[in-house]
Amino acid sequence: MTLETLAPDGADGDALDDEVLNALGAGDYRFNVWGGDWCGDCQRQLPAFAAALDAAGVPDDRIEDFPVTKGPDGKEGEGVDEYGIELIPTVVVENGDGEEIARFVEEADVSIAEFLARELGEAEANV
């Protein structure tokens, strides 16, 4: 991984509820993560998210990180335009067919892991 902030760095993913970990580790989800090591929100949130993915048993080959830089016209980096990335951190979860099924953007009332677990649960219930 090239985003240093997407490393567990002492965060405890095992402290999360089993339901959250099970939701993240279920299926063949791919986690696409946009962030910047310079970004305060990313520094605060991504290590805990990385620890949650690790505790959920998500293999590294299903996690892809996309470093973002600040450009004159906004965020720049691989996939920024294609995925419409405006704020970071952004996490896009895709199923095995490459279809987007959940998205976290910048912040929520819960952690990234909890937010995505809730979204994934709702997506599965609507299948």
Protein backbone atom coordinates (compact mmCIF):
# COMPACT_ATOMS: atom_id res chain seq x y z
CA MET A 1 0.00 0.00 0.00
CA THR A 2 1.25 3.44 -0.73
CA LEU A 3 -0.92 5.40 1.71
CA GLU A 4 0.95 5.39 5.01
CA THR A 5 -2.24 6.38 6.81
CA LEU A 6 -3.87 3.14 5.59
CA ALA A 7 -1.87 1.08 8.06
CA PRO A 8 -3.31 -0.16 11.37
CA ASP A 9 -0.54 1.67 13.28
CA GLY A 10 -1.58 0.40 16.70
CA ALA A 11 -5.33 0.80 16.18
CA ASP A 12 -7.41 -2.07 17.55
CA GLY A 13 -9.84 -3.44 14.98
CA ASP A 14 -10.75 -6.32 17.29
CA ALA A 15 -12.49 -3.81 19.56
CA LEU A 16 -15.23 -3.47 16.94
CA ASP A 17 -18.49 -5.35 17.21
CA ASP A 18 -18.41 -8.81 15.59
CA GLU A 19 -21.34 -7.78 13.40
CA VAL A 20 -19.24 -4.99 11.88
CA LEU A 21 -16.26 -7.27 11.29
CA ASN A 22 -18.47 -9.99 9.78
CA ALA A 23 -20.09 -7.50 7.39
CA LEU A 24 -16.71 -6.19 6.19
CA GLY A 25 -15.27 -9.68 5.75
CA ALA A 26 -18.30 -11.19 4.02
CA GLY A 27 -18.42 -11.85 0.31
CA ASP A 28 -15.83 -10.82 -2.20
CA TYR A 29 -15.96 -7.08 -1.58
CA ARG A 30 -13.24 -4.83 -2.93
CA PHE A 31 -12.37 -1.76 -0.88
CA ASN A 32 -11.07 1.20 -2.91
CA VAL A 33 -9.66 3.88 -0.61
CA TRP A 34 -8.80 7.45 -1.61
CA GLY A 35 -6.83 9.51 0.87
CA GLY A 36 -3.78 11.63 1.46
CA ASP A 37 -1.10 11.27 4.10
CA TRP A 38 -1.23 15.08 4.37
CA CYS A 39 -4.97 15.02 5.22
CA GLY A 40 -5.97 15.36 8.88
CA ASP A 41 -9.25 13.45 8.41
CA CYS A 42 -7.33 10.61 6.74
CA GLN A 43 -4.69 10.55 9.49
CA ARG A 44 -7.45 10.31 12.09
CA GLN A 45 -9.73 7.76 10.40
CA LEU A 46 -7.78 5.49 8.05
CA PRO A 47 -5.56 3.67 10.60
CA ALA A 48 -8.67 2.47 12.49
CA PHE A 49 -10.31 1.44 9.21
CA ALA A 50 -7.19 -0.49 8.20
CA ALA A 51 -7.22 -2.24 11.59
CA ALA A 52 -10.90 -3.13 11.09
CA LEU A 53 -10.20 -4.61 7.64
CA ASP A 54 -7.34 -6.60 9.13
CA ALA A 55 -9.48 -7.87 12.03
CA ALA A 56 -12.24 -8.77 9.55
CA GLY A 57 -9.78 -10.91 7.60
CA VAL A 58 -10.03 -8.89 4.38
CA PRO A 59 -7.05 -9.93 2.25
CA ASP A 60 -4.70 -7.22 0.98
CA ASP A 61 -5.50 -8.06 -2.64
CA ARG A 62 -9.07 -6.83 -2.06
CA ILE A 63 -7.92 -3.43 -0.73
CA GLU A 64 -6.62 -0.83 -3.13
CA ASP A 65 -5.39 2.56 -2.05
CA PHE A 66 -5.31 5.66 -4.21
CA PRO A 67 -3.12 8.51 -2.92
CA VAL A 68 -4.63 11.92 -3.58
CA THR A 69 -2.83 15.23 -3.93
CA LYS A 70 -4.12 18.79 -3.86
CA GLY A 71 -4.15 20.33 -7.29
CA PRO A 72 -5.11 23.77 -8.55
CA ASP A 73 -8.57 22.49 -9.49
CA GLY A 74 -9.19 20.19 -6.52
CA LYS A 75 -8.20 16.63 -5.70
CA GLU A 76 -5.90 14.84 -8.15
CA GLY A 77 -4.86 11.22 -8.46
CA GLU A 78 -5.71 7.91 -10.02
CA GLY A 79 -9.44 7.25 -10.22
CA VAL A 80 -10.44 10.67 -8.86
CA ASP A 81 -12.36 11.69 -11.97
CA GLU A 82 -13.67 8.21 -12.76
CA TYR A 83 -15.15 7.78 -9.27
CA GLY A 84 -16.09 11.43 -8.68
CA ILE A 85 -13.84 11.87 -5.65
CA GLU A 86 -14.14 15.35 -4.17
CA LEU A 87 -13.54 14.79 -0.44
CA ILE A 88 -11.22 12.42 1.38
CA PRO A 89 -11.11 9.95 2.85
CA THR A 90 -13.49 8.24 0.43
CA VAL A 91 -13.99 4.49 0.43
CA VAL A 92 -15.90 2.82 -2.41
CA VAL A 93 -16.92 -0.79 -1.88
CA GLU A 94 -17.54 -2.90 -4.96
CA ASN A 95 -18.88 -6.41 -5.29
CA GLY A 96 -17.12 -9.13 -7.29
CA ASP A 97 -18.71 -7.83 -10.49
CA GLY A 98 -17.19 -4.36 -9.97
CA GLU A 99 -20.53 -2.78 -9.09
CA GLU A 100 -20.43 -0.05 -6.42
CA ILE A 101 -22.54 -1.11 -3.45
CA ALA A 102 -21.42 1.29 -0.70
CA ARG A 103 -19.55 4.57 -0.34
CA PHE A 104 -18.12 6.45 2.63
CA VAL A 105 -17.21 10.11 2.07
CA GLU A 106 -15.09 12.15 4.51
CA GLU A 107 -16.95 11.66 7.81
CA ALA A 108 -20.06 10.26 9.44
CA ASP A 109 -21.54 9.89 12.90
CA VAL A 110 -19.71 6.55 13.26
CA SER A 111 -16.38 5.10 12.13
CA ILE A 112 -15.73 4.20 8.49
CA ALA A 113 -15.99 0.49 9.37
CA GLU A 114 -19.31 0.90 11.17
CA PHE A 115 -20.73 3.10 8.41
CA LEU A 116 -19.77 0.66 5.65
CA ALA A 117 -20.98 -2.36 7.64
CA ARG A 118 -24.38 -0.69 7.93
CA GLU A 119 -24.42 0.17 4.20
CA LEU A 120 -23.33 -3.33 3.21
CA GLY A 121 -26.02 -4.86 5.42
CA GLU A 122 -28.65 -2.70 3.74
CA ALA A 123 -27.32 -3.57 0.27
CA GLU A 124 -27.44 -7.28 1.06
CA ALA A 125 -30.99 -6.97 2.40
CA ASN A 126 -32.09 -5.37 -0.90
CA VAL A 127 -30.65 -8.12 -3.12
